[in-house]
Amino acid sequence: MKKYQLDEKQVKFDFIVNENKRTTQNDVSICLFCDKINDNIQQNLKHMEINHGFFICEEKYIKDLEGLILFLAKQINEQLVCIFCEYHESRPFPDAESVKKHMIDKGHCFMNNELFFQLYCDFYDFTSAIKGIIEQNKQELYLKYKQSQIAQGVVLNELGEAELPNGKIIGHRSLAVQYNQYYRPMASQESKIKALVGEDQYKQNQEQIIKYEKELVNFYFQLFNIFVIQIIEKQKDLKESKNYYFQDYKHINNLRYNNLKLGLETNKVQNSHVYQGKL
């Protein structure tokens, strides 16, 4: 453990001292970062995950795990590059120990995800994933086709609900709370009366009501007949009075005509006498 003074703060750095240097690049049980020798590759992966945070990306699709570990070991120990920031303008390292120290200090004990397929595609087999994606795309296309068929017969009502051709109604999810509410059906007026007076008494009351309704209908029917008869009689009286008025009017006109005719004849006689007297 060494201490360094930096910006007036005590900063502690942990350095891993490798007593046993890596002697071969073909051993997959040796840790990539601290050169610890493990029993097998699985223990090595577990050690790197717990101590360095390293993990294998897309592990379920890997087909050559040993080849991938050896490839990463070659990058670190032979090419002297950080497996995470290899293409991030990192400075050249003088030896493999400097590379490992850099990755541990910077937390770069990870695979390069940005160039994942370019660097590691030879160690993976995504055939099953591609088949799943193709099948998923087929299902999505089929669903879109069915949705387009349904959408051709869908009608939006005034509430914004979609009415399907089969009669079903689809509401918007924003109203899900209202749709999920349960309202107890209200009792009808008839059931309330039956509960109060009983079934038998209710039937008797209904029979009486029907009887009163029939009597009331008959009463209004008779009243209507009387009213119609009175109207007909009034119309007859009005017609007779019109006839009488017409006869009186005609008689008066005849009298006026006769008086006028008599007056004209009288004037003619008087004028003839006056004319003869002058002669």
C-alpha atoms as a PDB file:
ATOM      1  CA  MET A   1       0.000   0.000   0.000  1.00  0.00           C
ATOM      2  CA  LYS A   2       1.477   3.372  -1.039  1.00  0.00           C
ATOM      3  CA  LYS A   3       0.230   6.887  -0.320  1.00  0.00           C
ATOM      4  CA  TYR A   4       0.540   9.865  -2.640  1.00  0.00           C
ATOM      5  CA  GLN A   5      -0.136  13.558  -2.032  1.00  0.00           C
ATOM      6  CA  LEU A   6      -2.490  14.970  -4.717  1.00  0.00           C
ATOM      7  CA  ASP A   7      -4.259  18.361  -4.496  1.00  0.00           C
ATOM      8  CA  GLU A   8      -3.712  18.495  -0.710  1.00  0.00           C
ATOM      9  CA  LYS A   9      -5.768  15.312  -0.256  1.00  0.00           C
ATOM     10  CA  GLN A  10      -4.567  11.915   0.795  1.00  0.00           C
ATOM     11  CA  VAL A  11      -5.381   9.491  -2.033  1.00  0.00           C
ATOM     12  CA  LYS A  12      -4.719   5.766  -1.583  1.00  0.00           C
ATOM     13  CA  PHE A  13      -3.914   3.480  -4.486  1.00  0.00           C
ATOM     14  CA  ASP A  14      -3.865  -0.286  -4.382  1.00  0.00           C
ATOM     15  CA  PHE A  15      -1.334  -1.983  -6.609  1.00  0.00           C
ATOM     16  CA  ILE A  16      -1.406  -5.656  -7.297  1.00  0.00           C
ATOM     17  CA  VAL A  17       2.068  -7.097  -7.153  1.00  0.00           C
ATOM     18  CA  ASN A  18       2.475 -10.117  -9.413  1.00  0.00           C
ATOM     19  CA  GLU A  19       4.927 -12.452  -7.820  1.00  0.00           C
ATOM     20  CA  ASN A  20       4.306 -15.127 -10.455  1.00  0.00           C
ATOM     21  CA  LYS A  21       4.514 -13.671 -13.932  1.00  0.00           C
ATOM     22  CA  ARG A  22       2.511 -15.187 -16.778  1.00  0.00           C
ATOM     23  CA  THR A  23       4.721 -17.650 -18.596  1.00  0.00           C
ATOM     24  CA  THR A  24       2.356 -18.795 -21.348  1.00  0.00           C
ATOM     25  CA  GLN A  25      -0.503 -17.340 -23.447  1.00  0.00           C
ATOM     26  CA  ASN A  26      -2.234 -20.679 -23.956  1.00  0.00           C
ATOM     27  CA  ASP A  27      -3.479 -21.276 -20.401  1.00  0.00           C
ATOM     28  CA  VAL A  28      -7.143 -20.234 -20.034  1.00  0.00           C
ATOM     29  CA  SER A  29      -7.059 -20.752 -16.246  1.00  0.00           C
ATOM     30  CA  ILE A  30      -4.776 -17.725 -15.699  1.00  0.00           C
ATOM     31  CA  CYS A  31      -6.464 -14.412 -14.798  1.00  0.00           C
ATOM     32  CA  LEU A  32      -6.239 -11.785 -17.533  1.00  0.00           C
ATOM     33  CA  PHE A  33      -5.603  -8.953 -15.087  1.00  0.00           C
ATOM     34  CA  CYS A  34      -3.602 -10.261 -12.095  1.00  0.00           C
ATOM     35  CA  ASP A  35      -2.118 -13.481 -13.560  1.00  0.00           C
ATOM     36  CA  LYS A  36      -3.556 -15.607 -10.770  1.00  0.00           C
ATOM     37  CA  ILE A  37      -3.537 -19.293 -11.667  1.00  0.00           C
ATOM     38  CA  ASN A  38      -6.895 -21.017 -11.098  1.00  0.00           C
ATOM     39  CA  ASP A  39      -7.898 -24.658 -11.355  1.00  0.00           C
ATOM     40  CA  ASN A  40      -9.934 -24.334 -14.552  1.00  0.00           C
ATOM     41  CA  ILE A  41     -11.557 -21.831 -16.871  1.00  0.00           C
ATOM     42  CA  GLN A  42     -14.821 -21.666 -14.896  1.00  0.00           C
ATOM     43  CA  GLN A  43     -13.021 -20.812 -11.667  1.00  0.00           C
ATOM     44  CA  ASN A  44     -10.977 -18.281 -13.595  1.00  0.00           C
ATOM     45  CA  LEU A  45     -14.135 -16.572 -14.910  1.00  0.00           C
ATOM     46  CA  LYS A  46     -15.639 -16.568 -11.423  1.00  0.00           C
ATOM     47  CA  HIS A  47     -12.441 -15.054 -10.006  1.00  0.00           C
ATOM     48  CA  MET A  48     -12.348 -12.303 -12.665  1.00  0.00           C
ATOM     49  CA  GLU A  49     -16.028 -11.498 -12.110  1.00  0.00           C
ATOM     50  CA  ILE A  50     -15.712 -11.211  -8.321  1.00  0.00           C
ATOM     51  CA  ASN A  51     -12.352  -9.446  -8.129  1.00  0.00           C
ATOM     52  CA  HIS A  52     -12.264  -7.409 -11.352  1.00  0.00           C
ATOM     53  CA  GLY A  53     -15.901  -7.139 -12.472  1.00  0.00           C
ATOM     54  CA  PHE A  54     -15.172  -8.910 -15.749  1.00  0.00           C
ATOM     55  CA  PHE A  55     -17.924 -10.883 -17.474  1.00  0.00           C
ATOM     56  CA  ILE A  56     -18.516 -12.506 -20.852  1.00  0.00           C
ATOM     57  CA  CYS A  57     -20.929 -10.566 -23.048  1.00  0.00           C
ATOM     58  CA  GLU A  58     -23.811 -12.576 -24.563  1.00  0.00           C
ATOM     59  CA  GLU A  59     -22.533 -15.707 -22.845  1.00  0.00           C
ATOM     60  CA  LYS A  60     -25.473 -17.855 -23.965  1.00  0.00           C
ATOM     61  CA  TYR A  61     -24.462 -17.425 -27.633  1.00  0.00           C
ATOM     62  CA  ILE A  62     -20.733 -18.104 -27.244  1.00  0.00           C
ATOM     63  CA  LYS A  63     -19.341 -21.135 -29.078  1.00  0.00           C
ATOM     64  CA  ASP A  64     -15.588 -20.879 -28.348  1.00  0.00           C
ATOM     65  CA  LEU A  65     -15.062 -19.659 -24.797  1.00  0.00           C
ATOM     66  CA  GLU A  66     -11.430 -20.769 -24.595  1.00  0.00           C
ATOM     67  CA  GLY A  67     -10.623 -19.077 -27.895  1.00  0.00           C
ATOM     68  CA  LEU A  68     -12.145 -15.804 -26.627  1.00  0.00           C
ATOM     69  CA  ILE A  69     -10.094 -15.893 -23.400  1.00  0.00           C
ATOM     70  CA  LEU A  70      -6.907 -16.611 -25.359  1.00  0.00           C
ATOM     71  CA  PHE A  71      -7.706 -13.786 -27.796  1.00  0.00           C
ATOM     72  CA  LEU A  72      -8.104 -11.322 -24.904  1.00  0.00           C
ATOM     73  CA  ALA A  73      -4.877 -12.584 -23.298  1.00  0.00           C
ATOM     74  CA  LYS A  74      -3.033 -12.049 -26.582  1.00  0.00           C
ATOM     75  CA  GLN A  75      -4.358  -8.488 -26.846  1.00  0.00           C
ATOM     76  CA  ILE A  76      -3.126  -7.680 -23.343  1.00  0.00           C
ATOM     77  CA  ASN A  77       0.199  -9.532 -23.226  1.00  0.00           C
ATOM     78  CA  GLU A  78       1.379  -9.402 -26.841  1.00  0.00           C
ATOM     79  CA  GLN A  79      -0.320  -6.422 -28.491  1.00  0.00           C
ATOM     80  CA  LEU A  80      -0.104  -4.408 -25.235  1.00  0.00           C
ATOM     81  CA  VAL A  81      -3.537  -2.792 -25.607  1.00  0.00           C
ATOM     82  CA  CYS A  82      -6.411  -2.305 -23.188  1.00  0.00           C
ATOM     83  CA  ILE A  83      -9.286  -4.589 -24.174  1.00  0.00           C
ATOM     84  CA  PHE A  84     -11.802  -1.836 -23.337  1.00  0.00           C
ATOM     85  CA  CYS A  85     -10.259   1.403 -24.650  1.00  0.00           C
ATOM     86  CA  GLU A  86      -8.158  -0.078 -27.455  1.00  0.00           C
ATOM     87  CA  TYR A  87      -9.694   2.279 -29.991  1.00  0.00           C
ATOM     88  CA  HIS A  88     -10.090   5.239 -27.647  1.00  0.00           C
ATOM     89  CA  GLU A  89      -6.762   6.942 -28.375  1.00  0.00           C
ATOM     90  CA  SER A  90      -5.077   5.354 -25.361  1.00  0.00           C
ATOM     91  CA  ARG A  91      -1.346   5.878 -24.907  1.00  0.00           C
ATOM     92  CA  PRO A  92       1.044   3.075 -25.848  1.00  0.00           C
ATOM     93  CA  PHE A  93       2.089   0.882 -22.935  1.00  0.00           C
ATOM     94  CA  PRO A  94       5.702  -0.278 -22.407  1.00  0.00           C
ATOM     95  CA  ASP A  95       4.797  -3.753 -21.147  1.00  0.00           C
ATOM     96  CA  ALA A  96       1.920  -6.051 -20.223  1.00  0.00           C
ATOM     97  CA  GLU A  97       2.082  -5.118 -16.534  1.00  0.00           C
ATOM     98  CA  SER A  98       1.379  -1.497 -17.433  1.00  0.00           C
ATOM     99  CA  VAL A  99      -1.659  -2.564 -19.455  1.00  0.00           C
ATOM    100  CA  LYS A 100      -3.053  -4.627 -16.570  1.00  0.00           C
ATOM    101  CA  LYS A 101      -2.384  -1.856 -14.054  1.00  0.00           C
ATOM    102  CA  HIS A 102      -4.170   0.611 -16.338  1.00  0.00           C
ATOM    103  CA  MET A 103      -7.241  -1.636 -16.688  1.00  0.00           C
ATOM    104  CA  ILE A 104      -7.480  -2.238 -12.935  1.00  0.00           C
ATOM    105  CA  ASP A 105      -6.968   1.432 -12.011  1.00  0.00           C
ATOM    106  CA  LYS A 106      -9.388   2.749 -14.657  1.00  0.00           C
ATOM    107  CA  GLY A 107     -11.949  -0.005 -14.208  1.00  0.00           C
ATOM    108  CA  HIS A 108     -11.488  -1.120 -17.824  1.00  0.00           C
ATOM    109  CA  CYS A 109     -11.793  -4.844 -17.112  1.00  0.00           C
ATOM    110  CA  PHE A 110     -14.541  -5.208 -19.703  1.00  0.00           C
ATOM    111  CA  MET A 111     -14.939  -6.300 -23.283  1.00  0.00           C
ATOM    112  CA  ASN A 112     -15.261  -3.668 -25.993  1.00  0.00           C
ATOM    113  CA  ASN A 113     -19.002  -3.401 -26.717  1.00  0.00           C
ATOM    114  CA  GLU A 114     -18.702  -0.744 -29.410  1.00  0.00           C
ATOM    115  CA  LEU A 115     -16.653  -3.039 -31.666  1.00  0.00           C
ATOM    116  CA  PHE A 116     -18.177  -6.247 -30.355  1.00  0.00           C
ATOM    117  CA  PHE A 117     -18.985  -7.882 -33.696  1.00  0.00           C
ATOM    118  CA  GLN A 118     -15.791  -6.671 -35.355  1.00  0.00           C
ATOM    119  CA  LEU A 119     -13.559  -8.148 -32.640  1.00  0.00           C
ATOM    120  CA  TYR A 120     -15.408 -11.142 -31.214  1.00  0.00           C
ATOM    121  CA  CYS A 121     -17.820 -12.403 -33.897  1.00  0.00           C
ATOM    122  CA  ASP A 122     -15.646 -15.486 -34.596  1.00  0.00           C
ATOM    123  CA  PHE A 123     -16.239 -16.767 -31.062  1.00  0.00           C
ATOM    124  CA  TYR A 124     -20.057 -16.484 -31.114  1.00  0.00           C
ATOM    125  CA  ASP A 125     -22.927 -18.209 -32.875  1.00  0.00           C
ATOM    126  CA  PHE A 126     -26.103 -16.105 -33.116  1.00  0.00           C
ATOM    127  CA  THR A 127     -27.991 -18.545 -35.362  1.00  0.00           C
ATOM    128  CA  SER A 128     -30.622 -19.301 -32.720  1.00  0.00           C
ATOM    129  CA  ALA A 129     -31.041 -15.594 -31.990  1.00  0.00           C
ATOM    130  CA  ILE A 130     -31.451 -14.824 -35.700  1.00  0.00           C
ATOM    131  CA  LYS A 131     -34.111 -17.529 -36.001  1.00  0.00           C
ATOM    132  CA  GLY A 132     -35.916 -16.059 -33.021  1.00  0.00           C
ATOM    133  CA  ILE A 133     -35.747 -12.575 -34.532  1.00  0.00           C
ATOM    134  CA  ILE A 134     -37.079 -13.855 -37.867  1.00  0.00           C
ATOM    135  CA  GLU A 135     -39.929 -15.645 -36.116  1.00  0.00           C
ATOM    136  CA  GLN A 136     -40.672 -12.545 -34.064  1.00  0.00           C
ATOM    137  CA  ASN A 137     -40.722 -10.405 -37.213  1.00  0.00           C
ATOM    138  CA  LYS A 138     -43.137 -12.856 -38.825  1.00  0.00           C
ATOM    139  CA  GLN A 139     -45.436 -12.632 -35.821  1.00  0.00           C
ATOM    140  CA  GLU A 140     -45.249  -8.830 -35.835  1.00  0.00           C
ATOM    141  CA  LEU A 141     -46.070  -8.732 -39.550  1.00  0.00           C
ATOM    142  CA  TYR A 142     -49.003 -11.086 -39.010  1.00  0.00           C
ATOM    143  CA  LEU A 143     -50.292  -8.949 -36.131  1.00  0.00           C
ATOM    144  CA  LYS A 144     -49.994  -5.815 -38.256  1.00  0.00           C
ATOM    145  CA  TYR A 145     -51.889  -7.570 -41.046  1.00  0.00           C
ATOM    146  CA  LYS A 146     -54.676  -8.586 -38.650  1.00  0.00           C
ATOM    147  CA  GLN A 147     -54.756  -5.100 -37.164  1.00  0.00           C
ATOM    148  CA  SER A 148     -55.088  -3.558 -40.630  1.00  0.00           C
ATOM    149  CA  GLN A 149     -57.986  -5.907 -41.401  1.00  0.00           C
ATOM    150  CA  ILE A 150     -59.713  -5.040 -38.136  1.00  0.00           C
ATOM    151  CA  ALA A 151     -59.042  -1.319 -38.584  1.00  0.00           C
ATOM    152  CA  GLN A 152     -60.946  -1.322 -41.887  1.00  0.00           C
ATOM    153  CA  GLY A 153     -64.211  -2.050 -40.065  1.00  0.00           C
ATOM    154  CA  VAL A 154     -63.549  -0.079 -36.875  1.00  0.00           C
ATOM    155  CA  VAL A 155     -65.744   2.953 -36.166  1.00  0.00           C
ATOM    156  CA  LEU A 156     -64.997   5.571 -33.512  1.00  0.00           C
ATOM    157  CA  ASN A 157     -68.048   6.727 -31.562  1.00  0.00           C
ATOM    158  CA  GLU A 158     -68.544  10.086 -29.878  1.00  0.00           C
ATOM    159  CA  LEU A 159     -66.822   8.825 -26.697  1.00  0.00           C
ATOM    160  CA  GLY A 160     -63.637   7.911 -28.565  1.00  0.00           C
ATOM    161  CA  GLU A 161     -64.287   4.179 -28.247  1.00  0.00           C
ATOM    162  CA  ALA A 162     -63.559   1.795 -31.105  1.00  0.00           C
ATOM    163  CA  GLU A 163     -66.571  -0.240 -32.237  1.00  0.00           C
ATOM    164  CA  LEU A 164     -65.456  -3.480 -33.902  1.00  0.00           C
ATOM    165  CA  PRO A 165     -67.418  -5.213 -36.683  1.00  0.00           C
ATOM    166  CA  ASN A 166     -68.383  -8.050 -34.296  1.00  0.00           C
ATOM    167  CA  GLY A 167     -70.120  -5.588 -31.963  1.00  0.00           C
ATOM    168  CA  LYS A 168     -67.434  -5.390 -29.308  1.00  0.00           C
ATOM    169  CA  ILE A 169     -66.306  -1.997 -28.027  1.00  0.00           C
ATOM    170  CA  ILE A 170     -62.702  -1.173 -27.174  1.00  0.00           C
ATOM    171  CA  GLY A 171     -62.078   1.759 -24.858  1.00  0.00           C
ATOM    172  CA  HIS A 172     -58.923   3.808 -24.400  1.00  0.00           C
ATOM    173  CA  ARG A 173     -56.519   2.663 -21.694  1.00  0.00           C
ATOM    174  CA  SER A 174     -56.673   6.115 -20.067  1.00  0.00           C
ATOM    175  CA  LEU A 175     -60.218   5.187 -18.950  1.00  0.00           C
ATOM    176  CA  ALA A 176     -59.213   1.776 -17.562  1.00  0.00           C
ATOM    177  CA  VAL A 177     -60.123   2.844 -14.012  1.00  0.00           C
ATOM    178  CA  GLN A 178     -63.655   3.739 -15.072  1.00  0.00           C
ATOM    179  CA  TYR A 179     -64.071   0.542 -17.106  1.00  0.00           C
ATOM    180  CA  ASN A 180     -62.959  -1.631 -14.176  1.00  0.00           C
ATOM    181  CA  GLN A 181     -65.498  -0.137 -11.788  1.00  0.00           C
ATOM    182  CA  TYR A 182     -68.445  -2.367 -10.851  1.00  0.00           C
ATOM    183  CA  TYR A 183     -71.850  -0.824 -10.290  1.00  0.00           C
ATOM    184  CA  ARG A 184     -74.444  -2.914  -8.507  1.00  0.00           C
ATOM    185  CA  PRO A 185     -77.661  -3.004 -10.582  1.00  0.00           C
ATOM    186  CA  MET A 186     -80.396  -0.883  -9.019  1.00  0.00           C
ATOM    187  CA  ALA A 187     -83.628  -2.609  -8.016  1.00  0.00           C
ATOM    188  CA  SER A 188     -86.641  -1.779 -10.174  1.00  0.00           C
ATOM    189  CA  GLN A 189     -89.717  -0.013  -8.824  1.00  0.00           C
ATOM    190  CA  GLU A 190     -91.726  -3.216  -9.188  1.00  0.00           C
ATOM    191  CA  SER A 191     -89.299  -5.267  -7.090  1.00  0.00           C
ATOM    192  CA  LYS A 192     -89.277  -2.578  -4.381  1.00  0.00           C
ATOM    193  CA  ILE A 193     -93.088  -2.634  -4.124  1.00  0.00           C
ATOM    194  CA  LYS A 194     -93.140  -6.444  -4.017  1.00  0.00           C
ATOM    195  CA  ALA A 195     -90.622  -6.387  -1.172  1.00  0.00           C
ATOM    196  CA  LEU A 196     -92.807  -3.959   0.801  1.00  0.00           C
ATOM    197  CA  VAL A 197     -96.345  -5.332   0.312  1.00  0.00           C
ATOM    198  CA  GLY A 198     -95.670  -8.925  -0.704  1.00  0.00           C
ATOM    199  CA  GLU A 199     -96.248 -10.884  -3.920  1.00  0.00           C
ATOM    200  CA  ASP A 200     -99.998 -11.600  -3.403  1.00  0.00           C
ATOM    201  CA  GLN A 201    -100.907  -8.068  -2.381  1.00  0.00           C
ATOM    202  CA  TYR A 202     -98.956  -6.719  -5.333  1.00  0.00           C
ATOM    203  CA  LYS A 203    -100.961  -8.896  -7.759  1.00  0.00           C
ATOM    204  CA  GLN A 204    -104.250  -7.711  -6.241  1.00  0.00           C
ATOM    205  CA  ASN A 205    -103.201  -4.104  -6.534  1.00  0.00           C
ATOM    206  CA  GLN A 206    -102.211  -4.645 -10.156  1.00  0.00           C
ATOM    207  CA  GLU A 207    -105.619  -6.169 -10.945  1.00  0.00           C
ATOM    208  CA  GLN A 208    -107.373  -3.195  -9.343  1.00  0.00           C
ATOM    209  CA  ILE A 209    -105.194  -0.780 -11.243  1.00  0.00           C
ATOM    210  CA  ILE A 210    -106.018  -2.532 -14.527  1.00  0.00           C
ATOM    211  CA  LYS A 211    -109.748  -2.408 -13.669  1.00  0.00           C
ATOM    212  CA  TYR A 212    -109.601   1.317 -12.852  1.00  0.00           C
ATOM    213  CA  GLU A 213    -107.698   1.971 -16.059  1.00  0.00           C
ATOM    214  CA  LYS A 214    -110.413   0.252 -18.119  1.00  0.00           C
ATOM    215  CA  GLU A 215    -113.150   2.253 -16.369  1.00  0.00           C
ATOM    216  CA  LEU A 216    -111.223   5.448 -16.912  1.00  0.00           C
ATOM    217  CA  VAL A 217    -110.808   4.651 -20.617  1.00  0.00           C
ATOM    218  CA  ASN A 218    -114.540   3.964 -20.991  1.00  0.00           C
ATOM    219  CA  PHE A 219    -115.378   7.206 -19.189  1.00  0.00           C
ATOM    220  CA  TYR A 220    -113.190   9.277 -21.461  1.00  0.00           C
ATOM    221  CA  PHE A 221    -114.539   7.455 -24.496  1.00  0.00           C
ATOM    222  CA  GLN A 222    -118.120   8.321 -23.536  1.00  0.00           C
ATOM    223  CA  LEU A 223    -117.121  11.894 -22.786  1.00  0.00           C
ATOM    224  CA  PHE A 224    -115.493  12.105 -26.181  1.00  0.00           C
ATOM    225  CA  ASN A 225    -118.650  10.820 -27.893  1.00  0.00           C
ATOM    226  CA  ILE A 226    -120.755  13.436 -26.100  1.00  0.00           C
ATOM    227  CA  PHE A 227    -118.361  16.159 -27.125  1.00  0.00           C
ATOM    228  CA  VAL A 228    -118.452  15.017 -30.764  1.00  0.00           C
ATOM    229  CA  ILE A 229    -122.258  14.951 -30.772  1.00  0.00           C
ATOM    230  CA  GLN A 230    -122.402  18.477 -29.391  1.00  0.00           C
ATOM    231  CA  ILE A 231    -120.039  19.698 -32.050  1.00  0.00           C
ATOM    232  CA  ILE A 232    -122.128  18.083 -34.793  1.00  0.00           C
ATOM    233  CA  GLU A 233    -125.319  19.698 -33.445  1.00  0.00           C
ATOM    234  CA  LYS A 234    -123.662  23.089 -33.270  1.00  0.00           C
ATOM    235  CA  GLN A 235    -122.503  22.719 -36.854  1.00  0.00           C
ATOM    236  CA  LYS A 236    -126.080  21.928 -37.926  1.00  0.00           C
ATOM    237  CA  ASP A 237    -127.431  24.983 -36.080  1.00  0.00           C
ATOM    238  CA  LEU A 238    -124.756  27.145 -37.648  1.00  0.00           C
ATOM    239  CA  LYS A 239    -125.629  25.844 -41.102  1.00  0.00           C
ATOM    240  CA  GLU A 240    -129.337  26.546 -40.593  1.00  0.00           C
ATOM    241  CA  SER A 241    -128.590  30.039 -39.329  1.00  0.00           C
ATOM    242  CA  LYS A 242    -126.482  30.665 -42.423  1.00  0.00           C
ATOM    243  CA  ASN A 243    -129.367  29.523 -44.633  1.00  0.00           C
ATOM    244  CA  TYR A 244    -131.763  31.872 -42.839  1.00  0.00           C
ATOM    245  CA  TYR A 245    -129.353  34.735 -43.195  1.00  0.00           C
ATOM    246  CA  PHE A 246    -128.941  34.029 -46.919  1.00  0.00           C
ATOM    247  CA  GLN A 247    -132.722  33.984 -47.443  1.00  0.00           C
ATOM    248  CA  ASP A 248    -133.144  37.273 -45.566  1.00  0.00           C
ATOM    249  CA  TYR A 249    -130.329  38.841 -47.532  1.00  0.00           C
ATOM    250  CA  LYS A 250    -131.894  37.719 -50.823  1.00  0.00           C
ATOM    251  CA  HIS A 251    -135.314  39.062 -49.812  1.00  0.00           C
ATOM    252  CA  ILE A 252    -133.841  42.435 -48.881  1.00  0.00           C
ATOM    253  CA  ASN A 253    -132.042  42.671 -52.216  1.00  0.00           C
ATOM    254  CA  ASN A 254    -135.287  41.917 -54.060  1.00  0.00           C
ATOM    255  CA  LEU A 255    -137.073  44.677 -52.154  1.00  0.00           C
ATOM    256  CA  ARG A 256    -134.311  47.126 -52.955  1.00  0.00           C
ATOM    257  CA  TYR A 257    -134.435  46.169 -56.626  1.00  0.00           C
ATOM    258  CA  ASN A 258    -138.216  46.592 -56.796  1.00  0.00           C
ATOM    259  CA  ASN A 259    -138.097  49.981 -55.065  1.00  0.00           C
ATOM    260  CA  LEU A 260    -135.390  51.160 -57.432  1.00  0.00           C
ATOM    261  CA  LYS A 261    -137.354  49.992 -60.459  1.00  0.00           C
ATOM    262  CA  LEU A 262    -140.520  51.678 -59.208  1.00  0.00           C
ATOM    263  CA  GLY A 263    -138.648  54.930 -58.630  1.00  0.00           C
ATOM    264  CA  LEU A 264    -137.221  54.932 -62.129  1.00  0.00           C
ATOM    265  CA  GLU A 265    -140.634  54.385 -63.688  1.00  0.00           C
ATOM    266  CA  THR A 266    -142.125  57.202 -61.595  1.00  0.00           C
ATOM    267  CA  ASN A 267    -139.429  59.608 -62.754  1.00  0.00           C
ATOM    268  CA  LYS A 268    -140.088  58.736 -66.393  1.00  0.00           C
ATOM    269  CA  VAL A 269    -143.828  59.516 -66.028  1.00  0.00           C
ATOM    270  CA  GLN A 270    -143.167  62.852 -64.327  1.00  0.00           C
ATOM    271  CA  ASN A 271    -140.650  63.925 -66.948  1.00  0.00           C
ATOM    272  CA  SER A 272    -143.030  63.085 -69.781  1.00  0.00           C
ATOM    273  CA  HIS A 273    -145.787  65.311 -68.264  1.00  0.00           C
ATOM    274  CA  VAL A 274    -143.409  68.206 -67.821  1.00  0.00           C
ATOM    275  CA  TYR A 275    -142.227  67.971 -71.414  1.00  0.00           C
ATOM    276  CA  GLN A 276    -145.788  67.912 -72.817  1.00  0.00           C
ATOM    277  CA  GLY A 277    -146.727  70.970 -70.733  1.00  0.00           C
ATOM    278  CA  LYS A 278    -143.933  72.990 -72.256  1.00  0.00           C
ATOM    279  CA  LEU A 279    -145.100  72.165 -75.723  1.00  0.00           C
END
